[in-house]
Amino acid sequence: MQANIPTEEEVLGYFKSLSNWGRWGPDDMLGALNLITPDKVKRAIALVQEGERISLSRTVHFEASLDAPNPPVHFMVESGEGWASGDKVTDRANAAASDFFGMIFHGYTITHVDSLAHFFWEGKTFNGKPAHMVSTSMGATVGSVEEAKKGIMTRAVLVDVPMIRGIDWVERGEGVMPEDILAAEERCGFRVGEGDVLLIRTGQLHRRNVEGPVDRSAGSTACQAACLPLFHERDIAMLGSDTGNDVGPAQYVKPASPIHQVSITAMGIWILDNADLEEVAQACRQRNRWEFLISIGPLALHNTTGSPVNPMAVF
């Protein structure tokens, strides 16, 4: 067990002590994305020097794996098979290919954002909205990902924990601590601030690339619940990592997923799960620069609890 991790009682206290309920009005469901003001966007755009773009998305695969036993589904509605080629004339003037795909994007392999409808605590989600307003018949009638349909464009800062610790990856079951974030600030010359997207590289995706996927029961790494007060103090808009963003096996009985539950339901912080931070980490090391413009465009999906995304870092 790591030292200095909060007790379960202390984590339960975060739901009140770190709450942003009512901060942006009683009906607000944009939450911490309100911190991305027009001025914040302009300052983030001013960070662009080279115009180089890097995707932070994992490729969506349609085959099952140990960590994706129910993979996305893809099939061709129409394809190029059977149509004429060369000099042979087709019997259709507009021959084309088209696809169908469907997915359960919440999980541990697809890069996606969680809206404020994704988690509940004591029967409520952010701003005290009742959990029953997210229903099987209607979907997320509050806190839908539609709230972010204008896009998320702001400054991102990358905390490369393996680099800071001098290791290959953070072990499963072990959490990233506030001290890791503070050490990254001191070493890399940035300060996590209001309206930022805070990206935490744990190296777990790198480990998957090296060793292959493992069953979810093997555990996961992420920020430990001890980081939650720092997120609140610095007023971040979104948290993202190369994992599912909660330590596993669960370190607490209740709440079992404190990063999601406290961040979403109490603070209104949106979550970016399963980002690919390998290429952007290399780009940051090459430049010795750990801040950049990030642009995330969730799909405008009606009454849904999140969306698959392809976040773009721009240097």
Protein backbone atom coordinates (compact mmCIF):
# COMPACT_ATOMS: atom_id res chain seq x y z
CA MET A 1 0.00 0.00 0.00
CA GLN A 2 1.30 3.44 -0.91
CA ALA A 3 1.93 5.94 1.84
CA ASN A 4 -0.12 9.10 2.30
CA ILE A 5 -3.22 7.89 0.55
CA PRO A 6 -6.46 9.22 2.04
CA THR A 7 -8.72 7.00 4.08
CA GLU A 8 -12.12 5.98 2.79
CA GLU A 9 -13.70 8.45 5.23
CA GLU A 10 -11.56 11.26 3.85
CA VAL A 11 -12.50 10.38 0.27
CA LEU A 12 -16.18 10.36 1.21
CA GLY A 13 -15.67 13.87 2.59
CA TYR A 14 -14.47 15.06 -0.83
CA PHE A 15 -18.02 14.87 -2.18
CA LYS A 16 -18.84 17.92 -0.05
CA SER A 17 -15.51 19.67 0.45
CA LEU A 18 -14.66 19.67 -3.28
CA SER A 19 -18.18 20.26 -4.59
CA ASN A 20 -18.90 22.72 -7.40
CA TRP A 21 -22.68 22.31 -7.15
CA GLY A 22 -24.39 25.63 -7.85
CA ARG A 23 -21.15 27.36 -8.87
CA TRP A 24 -22.38 28.01 -12.43
CA GLY A 25 -26.09 28.09 -11.63
CA PRO A 26 -28.63 25.50 -10.46
CA ASP A 27 -29.32 24.05 -13.92
CA ASP A 28 -25.77 23.97 -15.29
CA MET A 29 -24.53 20.65 -16.68
CA LEU A 30 -21.44 21.91 -18.48
CA GLY A 31 -19.57 21.82 -15.20
CA ALA A 32 -15.85 22.53 -15.23
CA LEU A 33 -15.90 23.10 -18.99
CA ASN A 34 -17.26 26.54 -18.04
CA LEU A 35 -13.66 27.31 -17.08
CA ILE A 36 -12.67 27.21 -20.75
CA THR A 37 -13.50 30.84 -21.45
CA PRO A 38 -13.00 32.61 -24.80
CA ASP A 39 -9.86 34.21 -23.34
CA LYS A 40 -8.59 30.78 -22.30
CA VAL A 41 -9.15 29.50 -25.84
CA LYS A 42 -7.27 32.44 -27.36
CA ARG A 43 -4.32 31.93 -25.04
CA ALA A 44 -4.26 28.22 -25.86
CA ILE A 45 -4.28 28.92 -29.60
CA ALA A 46 -1.34 31.29 -29.06
CA LEU A 47 0.70 28.27 -27.91
CA VAL A 48 0.77 26.93 -31.48
CA GLN A 49 4.20 27.56 -33.01
CA GLU A 50 4.75 24.84 -35.62
CA GLY A 51 1.30 23.65 -36.61
CA GLU A 52 2.27 20.02 -35.98
CA ARG A 53 -0.72 17.85 -35.07
CA ILE A 54 -0.63 14.65 -33.05
CA SER A 55 -3.60 12.37 -32.47
CA LEU A 56 -4.20 11.17 -28.92
CA SER A 57 -6.65 8.49 -29.99
CA ARG A 58 -6.16 4.76 -30.00
CA THR A 59 -7.20 3.05 -33.21
CA VAL A 60 -10.58 1.37 -32.86
CA HIS A 61 -10.23 -2.36 -33.51
CA PHE A 62 -13.11 -4.71 -34.15
CA GLU A 63 -11.55 -7.89 -32.79
CA ALA A 64 -11.99 -9.15 -29.25
CA SER A 65 -9.05 -9.00 -26.83
CA LEU A 66 -8.52 -9.77 -23.17
CA ASP A 67 -9.32 -6.18 -22.20
CA ALA A 68 -12.10 -5.82 -24.81
CA PRO A 69 -14.21 -8.99 -24.70
CA ASN A 70 -17.14 -7.16 -26.34
CA PRO A 71 -15.44 -5.24 -29.14
CA PRO A 72 -17.02 -2.73 -31.51
CA VAL A 73 -18.92 -4.20 -34.43
CA HIS A 74 -18.19 -3.29 -38.06
CA PHE A 75 -19.57 -4.60 -41.32
CA MET A 76 -19.86 -3.34 -44.86
CA VAL A 77 -23.32 -2.36 -46.01
CA GLU A 78 -21.99 -2.08 -49.55
CA SER A 79 -18.51 -2.75 -50.88
CA GLY A 80 -16.52 -2.76 -54.09
CA GLU A 81 -16.89 -6.50 -54.52
CA GLY A 82 -18.93 -7.43 -57.54
CA TRP A 83 -18.85 -4.02 -59.20
CA ALA A 84 -17.32 -3.64 -62.60
CA SER A 85 -13.69 -2.67 -62.98
CA GLY A 86 -11.60 -1.63 -65.90
CA ASP A 87 -13.62 -1.32 -69.10
CA LYS A 88 -16.63 -3.25 -67.88
CA VAL A 89 -19.63 -0.99 -67.31
CA THR A 90 -21.49 -1.28 -64.02
CA ASP A 91 -25.27 -1.39 -63.92
CA ARG A 92 -25.35 1.34 -61.30
CA ALA A 93 -24.21 4.87 -61.97
CA ASN A 94 -23.37 5.60 -58.32
CA ALA A 95 -21.64 2.46 -57.07
CA ALA A 96 -20.12 3.17 -53.64
CA ALA A 97 -19.02 1.53 -50.41
CA SER A 98 -20.64 2.19 -47.03
CA ASP A 99 -20.23 0.89 -43.51
CA PHE A 100 -22.05 0.19 -40.27
CA PHE A 101 -20.32 0.29 -36.91
CA GLY A 102 -21.53 0.18 -33.32
CA MET A 103 -19.71 0.14 -30.01
CA ILE A 104 -19.85 0.23 -26.26
CA PHE A 105 -17.28 2.99 -25.91
CA HIS A 106 -17.12 3.04 -22.11
CA GLY A 107 -14.46 0.55 -21.06
CA TYR A 108 -10.70 0.18 -21.24
CA THR A 109 -9.66 0.33 -24.89
CA ILE A 110 -11.61 3.02 -26.77
CA THR A 111 -10.56 6.65 -26.43
CA HIS A 112 -13.66 8.50 -25.24
CA VAL A 113 -14.98 11.30 -23.07
CA ASP A 114 -17.35 10.82 -20.15
CA SER A 115 -20.07 13.41 -19.80
CA LEU A 116 -21.50 14.47 -16.45
CA ALA A 117 -24.28 11.89 -16.83
CA HIS A 118 -21.90 8.93 -16.64
CA PHE A 119 -21.57 8.50 -12.86
CA PHE A 120 -23.81 8.96 -9.83
CA TRP A 121 -23.39 9.27 -6.10
CA GLU A 122 -26.18 8.69 -3.61
CA GLY A 123 -28.75 8.82 -6.39
CA LYS A 124 -27.56 12.03 -7.98
CA THR A 125 -25.15 13.24 -10.61
CA PHE A 126 -23.50 16.67 -10.92
CA ASN A 127 -25.40 19.66 -9.55
CA GLY A 128 -27.81 17.43 -7.68
CA LYS A 129 -29.65 16.14 -10.73
CA PRO A 130 -31.50 12.88 -9.90
CA ALA A 131 -30.03 9.70 -11.31
CA HIS A 132 -33.42 8.67 -12.73
CA MET A 133 -33.09 11.50 -15.28
CA VAL A 134 -30.65 9.16 -17.02
CA SER A 135 -32.99 6.34 -18.02
CA THR A 136 -33.05 3.29 -20.26
CA SER A 137 -36.00 4.70 -22.21
CA MET A 138 -34.85 8.31 -22.65
CA GLY A 139 -31.09 8.19 -22.16
CA ALA A 140 -29.25 11.07 -20.50
CA THR A 141 -31.89 13.79 -20.30
CA VAL A 142 -29.43 15.78 -18.18
CA GLY A 143 -25.68 15.99 -18.55
CA SER A 144 -25.58 14.56 -22.06
CA VAL A 145 -22.42 14.80 -24.11
CA GLU A 146 -24.37 17.27 -26.26
CA GLU A 147 -23.41 19.87 -23.66
CA ALA A 148 -19.91 19.82 -25.21
CA LYS A 149 -20.96 19.92 -28.87
CA LYS A 150 -19.10 23.21 -29.40
CA GLY A 151 -15.89 21.31 -28.74
CA ILE A 152 -13.22 21.39 -26.07
CA MET A 153 -10.32 23.59 -27.07
CA THR A 154 -7.89 24.73 -24.40
CA ARG A 155 -4.39 24.30 -23.02
CA ALA A 156 -3.30 20.78 -22.19
CA VAL A 157 -0.41 19.92 -19.90
CA LEU A 158 1.20 16.48 -19.90
CA VAL A 159 2.52 14.85 -16.75
CA ASP A 160 4.79 12.00 -17.87
CA VAL A 161 4.96 9.98 -14.66
CA PRO A 162 7.36 7.23 -15.88
CA MET A 163 9.80 9.92 -17.02
CA ILE A 164 9.55 11.76 -13.70
CA ARG A 165 10.04 8.54 -11.70
CA GLY A 166 12.64 7.05 -14.04
CA ILE A 167 10.65 3.88 -14.70
CA ASP A 168 9.06 2.18 -17.71
CA TRP A 169 5.50 2.30 -16.40
CA VAL A 170 3.50 2.70 -13.21
CA GLU A 171 2.52 -0.69 -11.84
CA ARG A 172 -1.07 -1.88 -11.92
CA GLY A 173 -2.74 -1.33 -8.58
CA GLU A 174 -0.45 1.61 -7.81
CA GLY A 175 -1.72 5.17 -8.07
CA VAL A 176 -0.23 8.36 -9.43
CA MET A 177 0.16 10.74 -6.48
CA PRO A 178 -0.08 14.53 -6.18
CA GLU A 179 3.66 14.54 -5.59
CA ASP A 180 4.16 13.17 -9.11
CA ILE A 181 2.22 16.10 -10.58
CA LEU A 182 4.07 18.65 -8.44
CA ALA A 183 7.43 17.09 -9.36
CA ALA A 184 6.52 17.31 -13.05
CA GLU A 185 5.65 20.98 -12.63
CA GLU A 186 9.02 21.70 -11.04
CA ARG A 187 11.05 19.66 -13.52
CA CYS A 188 9.18 20.59 -16.70
CA GLY A 189 8.48 24.23 -15.96
CA PHE A 190 4.69 24.43 -16.12
CA ARG A 191 1.90 24.89 -13.62
CA VAL A 192 -1.46 23.19 -13.98
CA GLY A 193 -4.06 25.94 -14.10
CA GLU A 194 -7.68 26.94 -14.48
CA GLY A 195 -9.46 25.50 -17.50
CA ASP A 196 -6.63 23.12 -18.41
CA VAL A 197 -6.92 19.57 -19.66
CA LEU A 198 -4.59 17.64 -17.37
CA LEU A 199 -3.12 14.59 -19.12
CA ILE A 200 -1.48 11.89 -17.01
CA ARG A 201 0.77 9.40 -18.79
CA THR A 202 1.21 6.26 -16.69
CA GLY A 203 2.89 4.11 -19.34
CA GLN A 204 0.18 1.45 -19.11
CA LEU A 205 -0.56 1.69 -22.83
CA HIS A 206 3.16 1.38 -23.53
CA ARG A 207 3.18 -1.75 -21.39
CA ARG A 208 0.21 -3.12 -23.35
CA ASN A 209 2.06 -2.45 -26.59
CA VAL A 210 5.12 -4.32 -25.26
CA GLU A 211 3.52 -7.20 -23.36
CA GLY A 212 0.05 -7.45 -24.91
CA PRO A 213 -3.36 -6.98 -23.35
CA VAL A 214 -4.34 -8.45 -19.99
CA ASP A 215 -7.69 -9.22 -18.44
CA ARG A 216 -9.24 -6.39 -16.43
CA SER A 217 -8.83 -8.49 -13.29
CA ALA A 218 -5.07 -7.88 -13.53
CA GLY A 219 -5.73 -4.33 -12.37
CA SER A 220 -4.95 -0.88 -13.65
CA THR A 221 -3.16 2.28 -12.68
CA ALA A 222 -4.45 5.86 -12.68
CA CYS A 223 -4.44 8.88 -10.42
CA GLN A 224 -4.96 7.96 -6.79
CA ALA A 225 -7.83 9.65 -4.94
CA ALA A 226 -5.24 11.78 -3.13
CA CYS A 227 -5.02 13.86 -6.34
CA LEU A 228 -8.62 15.03 -6.14
CA PRO A 229 -8.02 18.07 -3.88
CA LEU A 230 -5.27 19.23 -6.28
CA PHE A 231 -7.67 18.97 -9.24
CA HIS A 232 -10.12 21.16 -7.31
CA GLU A 233 -7.48 23.63 -6.18
CA ARG A 234 -6.15 24.11 -9.71
CA ASP A 235 -9.63 24.21 -11.30
CA ILE A 236 -8.92 21.82 -14.16
CA ALA A 237 -11.63 21.41 -16.81
CA MET A 238 -10.85 17.82 -17.79
CA LEU A 239 -8.70 14.93 -16.66
CA GLY A 240 -7.30 12.42 -19.13
CA SER A 241 -4.92 9.49 -19.04
CA ASP A 242 -3.77 6.43 -20.96
CA THR A 243 -5.94 4.23 -18.72
CA GLY A 244 -9.55 4.04 -17.57
CA ASN A 245 -8.74 6.67 -14.90
CA ASP A 246 -9.27 4.69 -11.70
CA VAL A 247 -6.86 2.43 -9.84
CA GLY A 248 -7.70 -1.25 -9.87
CA PRO A 249 -8.25 -3.38 -7.97
CA ALA A 250 -10.40 -0.81 -6.18
CA GLN A 251 -8.67 0.70 -3.17
CA TYR A 252 -11.94 1.59 -1.47
CA VAL A 253 -15.21 -0.20 -0.90
CA LYS A 254 -17.24 2.97 -1.28
CA PRO A 255 -16.58 4.78 -3.55
CA ALA A 256 -15.00 2.11 -5.73
CA SER A 257 -14.15 4.56 -8.55
CA PRO A 258 -13.28 7.78 -6.69
CA ILE A 259 -11.63 9.63 -9.57
CA HIS A 260 -14.74 9.26 -11.72
CA GLN A 261 -17.28 9.60 -8.94
CA VAL A 262 -15.85 12.64 -7.18
CA SER A 263 -14.58 14.37 -10.34
CA ILE A 264 -17.83 13.98 -12.25
CA THR A 265 -20.55 14.11 -9.62
CA ALA A 266 -18.99 16.62 -7.20
CA MET A 267 -16.66 18.80 -9.26
CA GLY A 268 -18.20 18.56 -12.73
CA ILE A 269 -14.85 17.59 -14.28
CA TRP A 270 -15.15 15.75 -17.59
CA ILE A 271 -13.01 12.63 -18.08
CA LEU A 272 -10.96 11.49 -21.08
CA ASP A 273 -10.36 7.75 -20.86
CA ASN A 274 -7.86 5.55 -22.71
CA ALA A 275 -5.93 8.24 -24.56
CA ASP A 276 -2.83 7.34 -26.54
CA LEU A 277 -0.16 9.55 -24.98
CA GLU A 278 2.90 7.82 -26.44
CA GLU A 279 3.57 9.99 -29.48
CA VAL A 280 2.70 13.25 -27.74
CA ALA A 281 5.02 12.34 -24.83
CA GLN A 282 7.86 11.81 -27.29
CA ALA A 283 7.06 15.16 -28.93
CA CYS A 284 7.13 16.89 -25.55
CA ARG A 285 10.47 15.35 -24.63
CA GLN A 286 12.00 16.38 -27.95
CA ARG A 287 10.87 19.98 -27.42
CA ASN A 288 11.26 20.04 -23.63
CA ARG A 289 7.81 21.58 -23.74
CA TRP A 290 4.88 20.06 -21.87
CA GLU A 291 2.01 22.39 -22.75
CA PHE A 292 0.13 22.59 -26.04
CA LEU A 293 -3.24 23.30 -27.62
CA ILE A 294 -5.67 20.42 -27.39
CA SER A 295 -8.83 20.11 -29.47
CA ILE A 296 -11.48 17.50 -28.66
CA GLY A 297 -14.73 17.27 -30.61
CA PRO A 298 -17.26 14.92 -29.01
CA LEU A 299 -19.98 13.73 -31.36
CA ALA A 300 -23.28 15.57 -30.86
CA LEU A 301 -25.03 12.39 -29.74
CA HIS A 302 -28.51 12.96 -28.34
CA ASN A 303 -28.98 12.02 -24.68
CA THR A 304 -25.78 9.98 -24.30
CA THR A 305 -23.29 9.65 -21.46
CA GLY A 306 -20.18 10.24 -23.56
CA SER A 307 -18.64 9.91 -26.98
CA PRO A 308 -15.69 8.29 -28.72
CA VAL A 309 -13.22 11.03 -29.65
CA ASN A 310 -10.00 11.71 -31.54
CA PRO A 311 -8.25 14.38 -29.45
CA MET A 312 -5.64 16.43 -31.30
CA ALA A 313 -2.54 18.01 -29.76
CA VAL A 314 -1.19 20.94 -31.75
CA PHE A 315 2.34 22.28 -31.22
